[in-house]
Each structure stands twice: as C-alpha cells, then as structure tokens.
Amino acid sequence: MATNVRLGFCLLAWGANSYGQHGRGDEEDQAVPRLSNMAPLRGKEVQTVSGGGGHTVVITDDGEAFACGLNDRGQLGLGHTANCSTLQRCSGLNQRVTNVACGWDFTLLLTDCGRLLACGSNVFGQLGVGDTTTHHEELVLVESLTERVVSVAAGLRHALVVTDSRCVYQWGTGLFNLAKRALSLNPVPPHLNSKVPSLVPGMDQKGAHIVTAGSAHCVCLTGDGDLFLWGSNKHGQLTATESFLSTPTQLKRSLLGGEKIVKVRSGWTHVIAQTESGRVFTWGRGNYGQLGRPLTRALKSERQSADGGSQAYVPAEVKSLCEATQGGVCFPGAGTSTEQAETVHWPTFLSHSSFSVSSLFSLAAGPDTQWWCAQGRRAKTTDKLCTYWRQRMSNTRPEFLKLYYFLNELTQ
C-alpha cells in the first residue's frame, strides 16, 4: 500500500556569522553547513532566502518574511536597529511577499501584487524613495514604480527591477563614481545617478525577463535567452575590454556555444549562466574559486584579443558539472573541512553525515556566508562560498575579517 511521506524542510547556513545572520542564536562562524533555528517559522515552509552583507531574509510559502543578522541600518525591516541572531517576523507586512533581494545593508521585498517594499540604508538612494532620509527601519513602498514588478535585484549600493512591460529600471548612486571616472568629460547617464527608479536605456525593446546584480555590475536576461551586462568590468565580469560600461551590452552567443541562456546568477564580482542544454558557464573574478574551475591552465584561453591589443575575459564552461555524480551538494569556493582550509576551484560534492539533503530548492550567498533550503532530490550548485580568509586568518577577530574581505573585493 502506497503511503505519502511529508518531507521536512530545513534551513542550513555556513560561513561568516559575525552578526547572527545564520539564525541560530549565536555569532560563531561555521565552516560546514549547520541547521538554523526553524522554530520562529512555526512549521512554515521556506520559499526563498537571500543574504546581504551581514543579514538574512527568509520568505515562507504563505508570503511572510523573516529576518535576522546585522540591523544597524534597519535592513531587517523590524522597526528598530538592534541586531537579531534568530529569525524575526516582519510584522509590518499587509501583503504576501513572493521574492526578496538583499543588498549590502538594505532589503527589497516583492509582493504578490507586484509592488516593491524597501528598508535599510538609503545613503546612496538604494531604496528608491529619494533622499529624504538616510535609512528606513520599517518597510516603505517604492511609490514611483507604478507598474507591476516581476523581477528584482540588489547590488552593493544599487538596485534593479523588471516591470510587467519588460522595461528595466535602476536606482542607487553606488556606480556613479566609477562611471564618472570611466566616462571622463562625458555626462553620466541618469540611471547611474538616480535615487528613484530610472529607465535603463536600450532595454525597453529587448523583452527583459530577469535581473541580477553584483557589487558594482548589472545583468539582465531576456525572454529570448540573450544576456545584457553593464557597470564595472574590473574583474572581467562584463567580458568587455573597457573598465566600465554605462549602458547594457549584449553578450555574444558564440561565447556560449551559440546557445540560449535559461538561468543566470551573479556573485559579487563574477557571473554564472546555464544554457538551454544544461551547460554551465562562468566568468569574472576567480581567485577564490568562485568560477568553479581551475584558472592556472585556463587563464590564457579565457582571454581573447581585441582591437588595439587589449584583452577581454570570456566565459568558460564548468566541465566538472557535466561529469559529476550524485551524492551530495557540490560547490566551488572555500574548503569544507574545519581541519584544513583550502580554496577549491571546481565544484566539489559536500556531504555531511548529520543531514539527508535530497532537494536544494533555494540557495543564497552573501559576500562570505551561504544558505540552503533543502528538501527532496540530490542537487548541486556552483554559487560562491567565501570562508577562505576567515579560515586562513583564524587568529584575527571576525569583525575585522569581514571588513577585510569586503575591502579586498573592492580594491584588488
């Protein structure tokens, strides 16, 4: 006789935990996945999870939002600025939430009716509500977005959305100085210097579908499977020869074997894309193993000569994902053992005897923290995991390490 077995949901986290962003009630860093405290969710199932510079936001299947971690700018949306080491319900919501995007110190929530709510730091206008205040401890409506929002992304100090008419809007002045230096005497386009949503030129006729963002770059996937990139190209994440692109530039399909892209994710300074045949390509910064493949032999093949002798980084396939066998969760990034810290430059299966992970249905990565939501089948991921500096420099205070890694990302 057949029986229905209800699979339990769990939330696991590892990496930096300096502000309690793992939601376990402590502030101890973890080098391997550990269960978060699910009690505050009261049996609710997790729909999606997102991580910022030191905070975490979880969305449940009934549209509620729970948050924990650093809250110095009100980024948890709880109406105060005290840090929380366990998940706390955002009680001010009167709409169901379907998605969330966490920036460095701000949060954007997308509701089921397509409205966008924001909280946290607004020093750079990253909340999209103008410059009337430096931060919001409570969720506020981004009123200028009158059209239904279908996709949202948050970078270090900027944000992006796709609306129902497939237009892309951007706000936050985090890219302004980079753009000003790169453009010299030319004016900076409005979408790079606006504190309210500003239309991104050139995307209104492209059929935008999904946006994602890195610390200082933007990515948009269209319904036709084309990818457009703009912003900082310091680490080759735009595959261009210029250091900065002020307007969206299409990625050549020939760089991906002529295939359409069906999924895209952005790390702090790298990009990962999956094509229609299931192949995974990565490009951008890779010195922490975030590209999921060795760089020693592939470095020359990753670059292509351009006019004037300059070179641009180009996508390369993560071959090991095609050959991997099931048996755990795999990822590139930092070592998975507390006894030996090392940077792993290709996807490595992560198995832990304490868990029976069968389906990874949501994953999020902050600059140096990573989260799973797991249920059913075996799965693997190539999202970035950054515990390398924290493990290598174990004698240094975690707060300093977190700042050090952030500065290292921006300056190297």
Protein backbone atom coordinates (compact mmCIF):
# COMPACT_ATOMS: atom_id res chain seq x y z
CA MET A 1 0.00 0.00 0.00
CA ALA A 2 1.42 3.36 -1.00
CA THR A 3 1.96 5.93 1.73
CA ASN A 4 2.59 9.64 1.45
CA VAL A 5 5.60 10.81 3.40
CA ARG A 6 5.86 14.53 4.01
CA LEU A 7 9.45 15.62 3.57
CA GLY A 8 10.66 18.04 6.20
CA PHE A 9 12.16 21.37 5.23
CA CYS A 10 15.35 22.68 6.75
CA LEU A 11 17.46 25.81 6.52
CA LEU A 12 21.22 25.38 6.66
CA ALA A 13 23.94 28.02 6.73
CA TRP A 14 27.71 28.27 6.86
CA GLY A 15 30.47 30.86 6.58
CA ALA A 16 30.59 34.18 8.43
CA ASN A 17 28.15 34.61 11.31
CA SER A 18 29.52 37.75 12.99
CA TYR A 19 26.05 39.25 13.46
CA GLY A 20 23.93 36.15 13.93
CA GLN A 21 22.90 36.01 10.27
CA HIS A 22 22.75 32.19 10.43
CA GLY A 23 19.69 32.48 12.65
CA ARG A 24 20.92 30.01 15.28
CA GLY A 25 21.01 32.38 18.23
CA ASP A 26 24.82 32.67 18.28
CA GLU A 27 27.56 34.56 16.43
CA GLU A 28 30.01 31.71 15.76
CA ASP A 29 31.35 31.22 12.23
CA GLN A 30 30.80 27.81 10.66
CA ALA A 31 32.98 26.08 8.06
CA VAL A 32 30.41 23.35 7.31
CA PRO A 33 26.61 23.57 6.94
CA ARG A 34 24.68 23.73 10.22
CA LEU A 35 20.95 23.74 10.82
CA SER A 36 19.41 27.12 11.53
CA ASN A 37 16.76 27.55 14.20
CA MET A 38 13.46 26.94 12.39
CA ALA A 39 11.27 27.41 15.49
CA PRO A 40 10.36 31.05 14.67
CA LEU A 41 8.85 29.89 11.37
CA ARG A 42 6.24 27.83 13.28
CA GLY A 43 6.22 24.98 10.79
CA LYS A 44 6.05 27.20 7.71
CA GLU A 45 7.90 26.02 4.63
CA VAL A 46 10.67 28.21 3.20
CA GLN A 47 10.07 29.54 -0.30
CA THR A 48 13.29 31.51 -0.84
CA VAL A 49 16.21 33.01 1.07
CA SER A 50 18.54 35.93 0.42
CA GLY A 51 21.65 37.25 2.14
CA GLY A 52 23.22 40.70 2.39
CA GLY A 53 26.45 41.99 3.87
CA GLY A 54 25.52 40.70 7.33
CA HIS A 55 21.82 39.91 7.28
CA THR A 56 19.45 37.20 6.07
CA VAL A 57 15.83 37.35 4.90
CA VAL A 58 13.65 34.26 4.51
CA ILE A 59 10.32 34.17 2.65
CA THR A 60 7.85 31.44 3.58
CA ASP A 61 5.31 29.73 1.35
CA ASP A 62 2.46 31.75 2.84
CA GLY A 63 4.13 35.04 1.88
CA GLU A 64 5.59 36.08 5.24
CA ALA A 65 9.10 37.50 5.69
CA PHE A 66 11.51 36.62 8.49
CA ALA A 67 14.90 38.28 9.03
CA CYS A 68 17.99 38.04 11.23
CA GLY A 69 21.54 39.35 11.49
CA LEU A 70 23.01 42.84 11.24
CA ASN A 71 20.38 45.57 11.58
CA ASP A 72 22.35 48.78 12.13
CA ARG A 73 20.57 50.50 9.22
CA GLY A 74 17.18 48.89 9.76
CA GLN A 75 17.77 46.38 6.95
CA LEU A 76 15.71 43.71 8.75
CA GLY A 77 12.56 45.80 8.43
CA LEU A 78 11.58 45.27 12.08
CA GLY A 79 11.09 48.90 13.07
CA HIS A 80 14.32 49.12 15.11
CA THR A 81 18.11 48.89 14.61
CA ALA A 82 19.05 46.13 17.07
CA ASN A 83 20.79 43.05 15.68
CA CYS A 84 18.90 39.75 15.86
CA SER A 85 20.57 36.32 15.99
CA THR A 86 17.32 34.41 15.41
CA LEU A 87 14.73 34.84 12.68
CA GLN A 88 12.18 37.55 13.46
CA ARG A 89 8.89 38.04 11.63
CA CYS A 90 8.45 41.32 9.73
CA SER A 91 5.16 42.26 11.36
CA GLY A 92 4.50 45.39 9.32
CA LEU A 93 3.56 43.46 6.18
CA ASN A 94 -0.03 43.54 4.96
CA GLN A 95 0.74 41.88 1.61
CA ARG A 96 2.06 38.47 0.63
CA VAL A 97 5.76 38.51 -0.30
CA THR A 98 6.96 36.39 -3.22
CA ASN A 99 10.63 37.32 -3.54
CA VAL A 100 13.45 39.18 -1.79
CA ALA A 101 16.75 40.79 -2.80
CA CYS A 102 19.32 41.81 -0.19
CA GLY A 103 21.92 44.48 -0.88
CA TRP A 104 24.88 45.18 1.36
CA ASP A 105 22.82 46.93 4.03
CA PHE A 106 19.34 47.20 2.54
CA THR A 107 16.49 44.88 1.61
CA LEU A 108 13.89 44.83 -1.18
CA LEU A 109 10.71 42.74 -0.93
CA LEU A 110 8.49 41.95 -3.91
CA THR A 111 4.80 41.34 -3.16
CA ASP A 112 2.32 39.12 -4.98
CA CYS A 113 0.64 42.17 -6.49
CA GLY A 114 3.92 43.40 -7.97
CA ARG A 115 4.65 46.20 -5.52
CA LEU A 116 8.15 46.77 -4.14
CA LEU A 117 8.89 47.40 -0.45
CA ALA A 118 12.26 48.59 0.86
CA CYS A 119 14.11 49.07 4.14
CA GLY A 120 17.65 49.69 5.37
CA SER A 121 20.31 52.14 4.29
CA ASN A 122 19.39 54.90 1.87
CA VAL A 123 22.66 56.85 1.92
CA PHE A 124 23.14 56.17 -1.79
CA GLY A 125 19.45 56.26 -2.66
CA GLN A 126 19.39 52.48 -2.90
CA LEU A 127 15.84 52.23 -1.51
CA GLY A 128 14.43 54.09 -4.50
CA VAL A 129 12.42 56.56 -2.40
CA GLY A 130 14.53 59.68 -2.92
CA ASP A 131 16.96 61.17 -0.43
CA THR A 132 14.60 62.35 2.30
CA THR A 133 16.27 60.11 4.90
CA THR A 134 19.50 58.14 5.36
CA HIS A 135 17.73 54.91 6.31
CA HIS A 136 14.36 53.30 6.96
CA GLU A 137 13.82 50.90 9.85
CA GLU A 138 10.34 50.00 8.62
CA LEU A 139 9.31 48.80 5.18
CA VAL A 140 8.37 51.61 2.79
CA LEU A 141 6.69 51.42 -0.60
CA VAL A 142 8.70 52.42 -3.69
CA GLU A 143 5.83 54.56 -4.93
CA SER A 144 7.34 55.68 -8.24
CA LEU A 145 7.17 52.10 -9.52
CA THR A 146 3.51 52.25 -10.51
CA GLU A 147 3.78 49.33 -12.93
CA ARG A 148 3.83 45.74 -11.69
CA VAL A 149 7.36 44.48 -10.85
CA VAL A 150 8.24 40.94 -11.96
CA SER A 151 11.94 40.67 -11.05
CA VAL A 152 14.18 42.45 -8.53
CA ALA A 153 17.92 42.51 -7.79
CA ALA A 154 20.17 44.33 -5.34
CA GLY A 155 23.87 45.11 -5.54
CA LEU A 156 26.22 46.78 -3.10
CA ARG A 157 24.60 50.23 -3.34
CA HIS A 158 22.24 49.95 -6.31
CA ALA A 159 19.09 48.09 -7.32
CA LEU A 160 17.28 46.87 -10.44
CA VAL A 161 13.80 45.70 -11.40
CA VAL A 162 11.98 44.40 -14.44
CA THR A 163 8.39 45.59 -14.84
CA ASP A 164 5.39 43.94 -16.48
CA SER A 165 6.07 45.81 -19.73
CA ARG A 166 9.58 44.24 -19.75
CA CYS A 167 11.36 47.52 -19.06
CA VAL A 168 14.35 47.69 -16.70
CA TYR A 169 14.66 50.37 -14.02
CA GLN A 170 17.74 51.12 -11.93
CA TRP A 171 18.48 53.34 -8.93
CA GLY A 172 21.13 53.98 -6.31
CA THR A 173 24.26 56.07 -6.85
CA GLY A 174 26.75 53.34 -5.94
CA LEU A 175 28.08 53.17 -9.52
CA PHE A 176 28.25 56.94 -10.08
CA ASN A 177 31.91 57.50 -9.16
CA LEU A 178 33.04 54.51 -11.22
CA ALA A 179 31.04 55.81 -14.17
CA LYS A 180 32.35 59.36 -13.77
CA ARG A 181 35.98 58.23 -13.86
CA ALA A 182 35.40 55.94 -16.82
CA LEU A 183 33.40 58.46 -18.88
CA SER A 184 35.79 61.33 -18.18
CA LEU A 185 34.19 64.50 -19.56
CA ASN A 186 31.08 62.76 -20.85
CA PRO A 187 27.92 63.01 -18.72
CA VAL A 188 26.90 60.09 -16.52
CA PRO A 189 23.58 58.57 -17.68
CA PRO A 190 20.63 59.22 -15.33
CA HIS A 191 20.11 55.55 -14.38
CA LEU A 192 23.57 55.51 -12.77
CA ASN A 193 22.95 58.63 -10.67
CA SER A 194 19.33 58.40 -9.58
CA LYS A 195 17.81 57.91 -6.14
CA VAL A 196 14.46 56.92 -7.61
CA PRO A 197 13.81 54.28 -10.31
CA SER A 198 15.20 55.43 -13.66
CA LEU A 199 14.61 53.71 -17.00
CA VAL A 200 17.70 51.87 -18.28
CA PRO A 201 18.18 52.93 -21.92
CA GLY A 202 18.23 50.32 -24.64
CA MET A 203 16.35 47.61 -22.74
CA ASP A 204 12.74 48.66 -23.34
CA GLN A 205 12.53 46.72 -26.64
CA LYS A 206 14.60 43.70 -25.60
CA GLY A 207 11.98 41.75 -23.64
CA ALA A 208 13.72 41.82 -20.27
CA HIS A 209 12.88 38.82 -18.11
CA ILE A 210 15.19 38.55 -15.09
CA VAL A 211 17.73 40.89 -13.48
CA THR A 212 20.59 40.08 -11.14
CA ALA A 213 23.39 42.21 -9.75
CA GLY A 214 26.92 42.07 -8.40
CA SER A 215 28.61 44.57 -6.13
CA ALA A 216 29.02 47.08 -8.98
CA HIS A 217 27.62 45.46 -12.11
CA CYS A 218 24.21 44.64 -13.57
CA VAL A 219 22.93 41.67 -15.56
CA CYS A 220 19.66 41.22 -17.45
CA LEU A 221 18.37 38.05 -19.12
CA THR A 222 15.76 38.48 -21.85
CA GLY A 223 12.91 36.16 -22.74
CA ASP A 224 14.80 35.20 -25.91
CA GLY A 225 17.77 33.92 -23.92
CA ASP A 226 20.11 36.86 -24.52
CA LEU A 227 22.23 38.39 -21.78
CA PHE A 228 22.95 42.10 -21.34
CA LEU A 229 25.60 43.44 -18.95
CA TRP A 230 26.69 46.88 -17.72
CA GLY A 231 28.55 48.55 -14.86
CA SER A 232 32.01 47.73 -13.55
CA ASN A 233 34.23 45.40 -15.55
CA LYS A 234 37.17 45.46 -13.16
CA HIS A 235 37.34 41.67 -12.96
CA GLY A 236 36.18 40.87 -16.49
CA GLN A 237 32.62 40.16 -15.37
CA LEU A 238 31.22 42.01 -18.41
CA THR A 239 33.51 40.22 -20.94
CA ALA A 240 34.43 43.63 -22.37
CA THR A 241 37.71 45.45 -22.92
CA GLU A 242 36.53 48.65 -21.24
CA SER A 243 36.76 49.09 -17.47
CA PHE A 244 33.17 50.31 -17.25
CA LEU A 245 30.08 50.02 -19.45
CA SER A 246 27.47 52.71 -18.83
CA THR A 247 24.74 51.10 -20.95
CA PRO A 248 23.68 47.45 -21.47
CA THR A 249 25.86 45.49 -23.85
CA GLN A 250 24.81 42.13 -25.25
CA LEU A 251 26.92 39.05 -24.59
CA LYS A 252 27.72 37.24 -27.83
CA ARG A 253 26.02 33.86 -28.01
CA SER A 254 29.07 32.49 -29.77
CA LEU A 255 30.89 32.71 -26.43
CA LEU A 256 28.39 30.18 -25.05
CA GLY A 257 28.47 27.73 -27.92
CA GLY A 258 25.69 29.57 -29.73
CA GLU A 259 23.11 28.54 -27.14
CA LYS A 260 20.38 30.49 -25.40
CA ILE A 261 20.71 31.24 -21.70
CA VAL A 262 17.93 29.97 -19.44
CA LYS A 263 19.28 30.86 -15.99
CA VAL A 264 21.74 33.44 -14.69
CA ARG A 265 23.12 34.36 -11.29
CA SER A 266 25.64 36.99 -10.25
CA GLY A 267 28.19 36.85 -7.48
CA TRP A 268 29.97 39.85 -6.01
CA THR A 269 32.37 40.09 -8.99
CA HIS A 270 31.53 37.11 -11.21
CA VAL A 271 28.66 35.72 -13.28
CA ILE A 272 27.31 32.19 -13.78
CA ALA A 273 24.94 31.20 -16.59
CA GLN A 274 23.22 27.99 -17.65
CA THR A 275 22.35 27.38 -21.29
CA GLU A 276 19.36 25.57 -22.81
CA SER A 277 21.30 22.29 -22.99
CA GLY A 278 22.23 22.48 -19.30
CA ARG A 279 25.85 23.58 -19.74
CA VAL A 280 27.17 25.95 -17.06
CA PHE A 281 29.50 28.84 -17.94
CA THR A 282 31.27 31.22 -15.56
CA TRP A 283 33.39 34.34 -15.95
CA GLY A 284 34.77 37.24 -13.94
CA ARG A 285 36.86 37.13 -10.80
CA GLY A 286 38.04 33.65 -9.88
CA ASN A 287 40.87 33.87 -7.36
CA TYR A 288 38.68 32.49 -4.56
CA GLY A 289 37.47 29.55 -6.63
CA GLN A 290 34.11 31.19 -7.32
CA LEU A 291 34.21 30.30 -11.03
CA GLY A 292 34.08 26.58 -10.27
CA ARG A 293 37.09 25.69 -12.41
CA PRO A 294 40.89 25.89 -12.19
CA LEU A 295 42.41 29.11 -13.51
CA THR A 296 46.06 28.08 -13.84
CA ARG A 297 45.68 26.38 -17.21
CA ALA A 298 42.51 28.06 -18.40
CA LEU A 299 43.58 31.66 -17.89
CA LYS A 300 45.01 32.17 -21.36
CA SER A 301 42.03 30.54 -23.05
CA GLU A 302 39.67 32.74 -21.05
CA ARG A 303 41.00 35.85 -22.72
CA GLN A 304 40.50 36.92 -26.30
CA SER A 305 42.44 39.59 -28.11
CA ALA A 306 40.55 42.66 -29.17
CA ASP A 307 41.36 45.65 -31.34
CA GLY A 308 44.33 47.62 -30.10
CA GLY A 309 45.91 44.63 -28.38
CA SER A 310 43.64 44.74 -25.32
CA GLN A 311 42.14 41.57 -23.92
CA ALA A 312 38.75 40.63 -22.52
CA TYR A 313 37.71 37.77 -20.29
CA VAL A 314 35.29 35.35 -21.93
CA PRO A 315 33.03 32.68 -20.42
CA ALA A 316 34.35 29.17 -19.96
CA GLU A 317 32.39 26.01 -19.23
CA VAL A 318 32.48 24.30 -15.84
CA LYS A 319 33.26 20.85 -17.22
CA SER A 320 33.11 19.05 -13.89
CA LEU A 321 29.38 19.75 -13.58
CA CYS A 322 28.77 17.59 -16.64
CA GLU A 323 30.76 14.72 -15.15
CA ALA A 324 29.68 14.95 -11.51
CA THR A 325 27.86 12.02 -9.93
CA GLN A 326 25.11 12.38 -7.38
CA GLY A 327 25.75 12.04 -3.69
CA GLY A 328 25.71 15.47 -2.12
CA VAL A 329 25.75 19.18 -2.79
CA CYS A 330 28.70 20.48 -4.76
CA PHE A 331 30.13 23.98 -4.92
CA PRO A 332 33.35 25.89 -5.61
CA GLY A 333 34.84 28.30 -3.11
CA ALA A 334 36.38 27.63 0.26
CA GLY A 335 37.37 24.33 1.83
CA THR A 336 34.67 22.31 3.54
CA SER A 337 36.73 21.00 6.42
CA THR A 338 37.48 22.76 9.66
CA GLU A 339 40.75 20.87 9.89
CA GLN A 340 42.22 22.01 6.59
CA ALA A 341 41.24 25.28 4.95
CA GLU A 342 41.81 25.47 1.23
CA THR A 343 40.32 27.17 -1.78
CA VAL A 344 38.54 24.76 -4.10
CA HIS A 345 38.49 25.94 -7.71
CA TRP A 346 35.95 23.48 -9.09
CA PRO A 347 32.62 22.09 -7.87
CA THR A 348 33.15 19.67 -5.02
CA PHE A 349 30.44 17.49 -3.53
CA LEU A 350 29.66 18.39 0.04
CA SER A 351 28.41 15.52 2.19
CA HIS A 352 27.70 15.69 5.89
CA SER A 353 26.54 12.75 7.96
CA SER A 354 24.20 14.92 10.04
CA PHE A 355 21.88 15.68 7.09
CA SER A 356 19.96 13.81 4.46
CA VAL A 357 19.80 16.54 1.83
CA SER A 358 17.71 15.47 -1.12
CA SER A 359 16.48 18.61 -2.85
CA LEU A 360 18.09 22.02 -2.89
CA PHE A 361 15.23 24.32 -3.88
CA SER A 362 16.66 27.65 -2.77
CA LEU A 363 20.20 28.85 -2.24
CA ALA A 364 21.65 32.25 -1.42
CA ALA A 365 25.15 33.55 -0.93
CA GLY A 366 26.27 36.71 0.79
CA PRO A 367 29.81 38.06 0.43
CA ASP A 368 31.07 35.46 2.93
CA THR A 369 28.05 33.45 4.04
CA GLN A 370 25.95 30.81 2.31
CA TRP A 371 22.47 29.37 2.93
CA TRP A 372 20.49 26.33 1.75
CA CYS A 373 16.81 25.47 1.87
CA ALA A 374 16.58 21.75 1.33
CA GLN A 375 14.03 19.04 0.76
CA GLY A 376 13.93 16.03 -1.75
CA ARG A 377 16.39 15.04 -4.53
CA ARG A 378 20.16 15.29 -4.78
CA ALA A 379 21.39 18.58 -6.17
CA LYS A 380 24.49 20.61 -6.80
CA THR A 381 25.35 24.29 -7.08
CA THR A 382 28.21 26.47 -8.20
CA ASP A 383 27.35 29.51 -6.13
CA LYS A 384 30.25 31.24 -4.41
CA LEU A 385 31.23 30.30 -0.86
CA CYS A 386 33.73 32.65 0.76
CA THR A 387 35.16 31.44 4.04
CA TYR A 388 38.73 31.37 2.78
CA TRP A 389 40.04 34.45 4.57
CA ARG A 390 38.13 33.63 7.72
CA GLN A 391 39.70 30.17 7.89
CA ARG A 392 43.20 31.18 6.83
CA MET A 393 43.40 34.06 9.30
CA SER A 394 41.78 32.37 12.28
CA ASN A 395 43.69 34.45 14.82
CA THR A 396 42.07 37.66 13.64
CA ARG A 397 38.78 38.97 15.02
CA PRO A 398 35.79 38.03 12.79
CA GLU A 399 34.62 41.64 12.52
CA PHE A 400 37.96 42.67 11.05
CA LEU A 401 37.97 39.72 8.69
CA LYS A 402 34.56 40.62 7.35
CA LEU A 403 35.70 44.17 6.67
CA TYR A 404 38.98 42.94 5.23
CA TYR A 405 37.27 40.65 2.75
CA PHE A 406 34.88 43.40 1.69
CA LEU A 407 37.73 45.84 1.11
CA ASN A 408 39.73 43.14 -0.67
CA GLU A 409 36.84 42.64 -3.12
CA LEU A 410 36.72 46.35 -3.91
CA THR A 411 40.42 47.09 -4.18
CA GLN A 412 42.03 44.10 -5.86
